[in-house]
Amino acid sequence: MLRVFIVLLGISSFYCDAELVVSDATVRLLPPGVPNTAAYFSIENLSKKTEVLIAASSSIADKAELHNHVFINDMMRMQQQESIQIEPGETVHFKPGGLHIMLFGLNQKLEENQKVSLRLLTQDGEAIDFEATVARPSHAKHH
């Protein structure tokens, strides 16, 4: 009984301490041989302070970067972002044509419905670990 209480206490503490909550995470499934892909998700800031994302990583790729699509010289281009601010109570959507995590140098073949691990790092040194489901572009959930 004591073990169950300790486990439940640990789960509730993790939930209460979670200030950034990731949902609807997907990684785009692309044809075999394509070395790069993107991850999309929503992230909600439940804290009372501005949270700042500064980096991303994943074991499935050599490199992961925070990216956004921006207009430069009348052309839409991807641009690496040094940081992304999330205001208190705000939900930020990482989606095609906007913010996303770019995954470079995939080191394994991805399969539809596979679960992959991703990590976001905040300016305060906190790590947000989450899983994303690999999905075909037409089946990925986006907001």
Protein backbone atom coordinates (compact mmCIF):
# COMPACT_ATOMS: atom_id res chain seq x y z
CA MET A 1 0.00 0.00 0.00
CA LEU A 2 2.84 2.38 0.85
CA ARG A 3 4.40 1.69 -2.58
CA VAL A 4 1.17 2.62 -4.35
CA PHE A 5 0.96 5.85 -2.36
CA ILE A 6 4.57 6.77 -3.20
CA VAL A 7 4.01 6.04 -6.91
CA LEU A 8 0.80 8.11 -6.95
CA LEU A 9 2.54 10.92 -5.08
CA GLY A 10 5.32 10.92 -7.69
CA ILE A 11 2.83 11.00 -10.58
CA SER A 12 0.80 13.84 -9.07
CA SER A 13 3.95 15.82 -8.30
CA PHE A 14 5.13 15.45 -11.91
CA TYR A 15 1.74 16.62 -13.19
CA CYS A 16 1.62 19.62 -10.83
CA ASP A 17 5.18 20.67 -11.69
CA ALA A 18 4.61 20.45 -15.45
CA GLU A 19 4.66 24.03 -16.68
CA LEU A 20 4.94 23.29 -20.39
CA VAL A 21 2.58 20.63 -21.74
CA VAL A 22 3.03 19.15 -25.22
CA SER A 23 0.10 17.61 -27.11
CA ASP A 24 -0.76 16.30 -30.61
CA ALA A 25 2.89 15.58 -31.46
CA THR A 26 3.64 14.10 -34.89
CA VAL A 27 6.72 13.53 -37.03
CA ARG A 28 6.18 13.71 -40.78
CA LEU A 29 6.72 10.39 -42.57
CA LEU A 30 8.54 10.99 -45.86
CA PRO A 31 9.62 8.55 -48.59
CA PRO A 32 12.58 6.26 -47.88
CA GLY A 33 15.94 7.90 -48.45
CA VAL A 34 14.83 11.42 -47.53
CA PRO A 35 17.34 12.38 -44.81
CA ASN A 36 15.34 15.14 -43.07
CA THR A 37 11.84 15.60 -41.71
CA ALA A 38 9.85 17.83 -39.37
CA ALA A 39 8.00 17.49 -36.07
CA TYR A 40 4.77 19.31 -35.21
CA PHE A 41 2.89 19.70 -31.93
CA SER A 42 1.14 22.13 -29.61
CA ILE A 43 2.76 23.38 -26.42
CA GLU A 44 0.87 25.10 -23.60
CA ASN A 45 2.46 27.27 -20.91
CA LEU A 46 0.68 26.61 -17.61
CA SER A 47 3.09 28.74 -15.58
CA LYS A 48 2.77 32.37 -14.54
CA LYS A 49 5.98 33.36 -16.33
CA THR A 50 7.16 33.57 -19.91
CA GLU A 51 8.88 30.34 -20.94
CA VAL A 52 11.55 30.40 -23.63
CA LEU A 53 12.46 27.39 -25.78
CA ILE A 54 16.08 27.47 -26.93
CA ALA A 55 16.83 24.03 -28.42
CA ALA A 56 15.49 20.67 -29.52
CA SER A 57 16.96 17.19 -29.86
CA SER A 58 16.00 13.64 -30.77
CA SER A 59 17.73 10.29 -30.83
CA ILE A 60 16.35 9.63 -34.35
CA ALA A 61 18.36 12.45 -35.97
CA ASP A 62 21.90 13.80 -35.98
CA LYS A 63 20.61 17.32 -35.38
CA ALA A 64 17.33 19.02 -34.43
CA GLU A 65 16.60 22.73 -34.72
CA LEU A 66 13.72 25.07 -33.93
CA HIS A 67 12.51 26.53 -37.24
CA ASN A 68 9.90 28.89 -38.62
CA HIS A 69 8.76 29.81 -42.12
CA VAL A 70 9.39 33.50 -42.81
CA PHE A 71 9.16 35.82 -45.82
CA ILE A 72 12.59 37.01 -46.99
CA ASN A 73 12.84 39.04 -50.23
CA ASP A 74 9.25 38.08 -51.16
CA MET A 75 10.00 34.37 -50.76
CA MET A 76 8.90 31.95 -48.07
CA ARG A 77 11.94 30.32 -46.45
CA MET A 78 12.72 28.21 -43.43
CA GLN A 79 14.77 29.99 -40.82
CA GLN A 80 16.33 28.59 -37.66
CA GLN A 81 15.02 30.27 -34.50
CA GLU A 82 17.38 31.00 -31.62
CA SER A 83 14.44 31.03 -29.21
CA ILE A 84 10.66 30.83 -29.07
CA GLN A 85 8.76 32.63 -26.32
CA ILE A 86 5.57 31.21 -24.85
CA GLU A 87 3.63 33.65 -22.71
CA PRO A 88 1.76 32.55 -19.54
CA GLY A 89 -1.47 30.77 -20.47
CA GLU A 90 -0.54 30.73 -24.17
CA THR A 91 -0.60 27.69 -26.47
CA VAL A 92 1.83 27.78 -29.40
CA HIS A 93 1.17 25.51 -32.38
CA PHE A 94 4.08 24.04 -34.33
CA LYS A 95 2.57 23.22 -37.73
CA PRO A 96 3.35 23.04 -41.47
CA GLY A 97 4.05 26.50 -42.87
CA GLY A 98 4.93 27.84 -39.41
CA LEU A 99 6.97 26.84 -36.39
CA HIS A 100 8.33 23.30 -36.37
CA ILE A 101 11.28 21.18 -35.26
CA MET A 102 13.51 20.34 -38.21
CA LEU A 103 15.14 16.90 -37.86
CA PHE A 104 18.35 16.60 -39.91
CA GLY A 105 20.22 13.39 -40.72
CA LEU A 106 17.71 10.72 -39.77
CA ASN A 107 19.64 7.77 -38.39
CA GLN A 108 16.87 5.21 -38.74
CA LYS A 109 14.04 4.36 -41.11
CA LEU A 110 10.76 5.73 -39.82
CA GLU A 111 7.58 3.65 -39.91
CA GLU A 112 4.01 4.92 -39.86
CA ASN A 113 2.57 4.97 -36.28
CA GLN A 114 6.04 4.55 -34.77
CA LYS A 115 6.61 6.46 -31.51
CA VAL A 116 9.74 8.62 -31.38
CA SER A 117 11.22 10.61 -28.51
CA LEU A 118 11.83 14.34 -28.74
CA ARG A 119 13.22 16.85 -26.25
CA LEU A 120 12.83 20.61 -25.94
CA LEU A 121 15.15 22.69 -23.77
CA THR A 122 14.18 25.94 -22.06
CA GLN A 123 16.26 28.97 -21.28
CA ASP A 124 16.07 27.94 -17.60
CA GLY A 125 17.75 24.58 -18.37
CA GLU A 126 14.57 22.50 -18.09
CA ALA A 127 14.05 19.58 -20.47
CA ILE A 128 10.61 18.71 -21.82
CA ASP A 129 10.62 15.12 -23.07
CA PHE A 130 7.70 13.88 -25.16
CA GLU A 131 6.74 11.27 -27.73
CA ALA A 132 5.52 11.94 -31.24
CA THR A 133 3.73 9.57 -33.61
CA VAL A 134 5.15 9.18 -37.10
CA ALA A 135 2.39 9.99 -39.60
CA ARG A 136 1.95 10.56 -43.32
CA PRO A 137 1.51 14.26 -44.13
CA SER A 138 -2.16 13.81 -44.99
CA HIS A 139 -2.83 11.95 -41.72
CA ALA A 140 -0.90 14.20 -39.36
CA LYS A 141 -3.08 16.24 -37.00
CA HIS A 142 -2.46 19.97 -37.24
CA HIS A 143 -4.17 23.04 -35.89
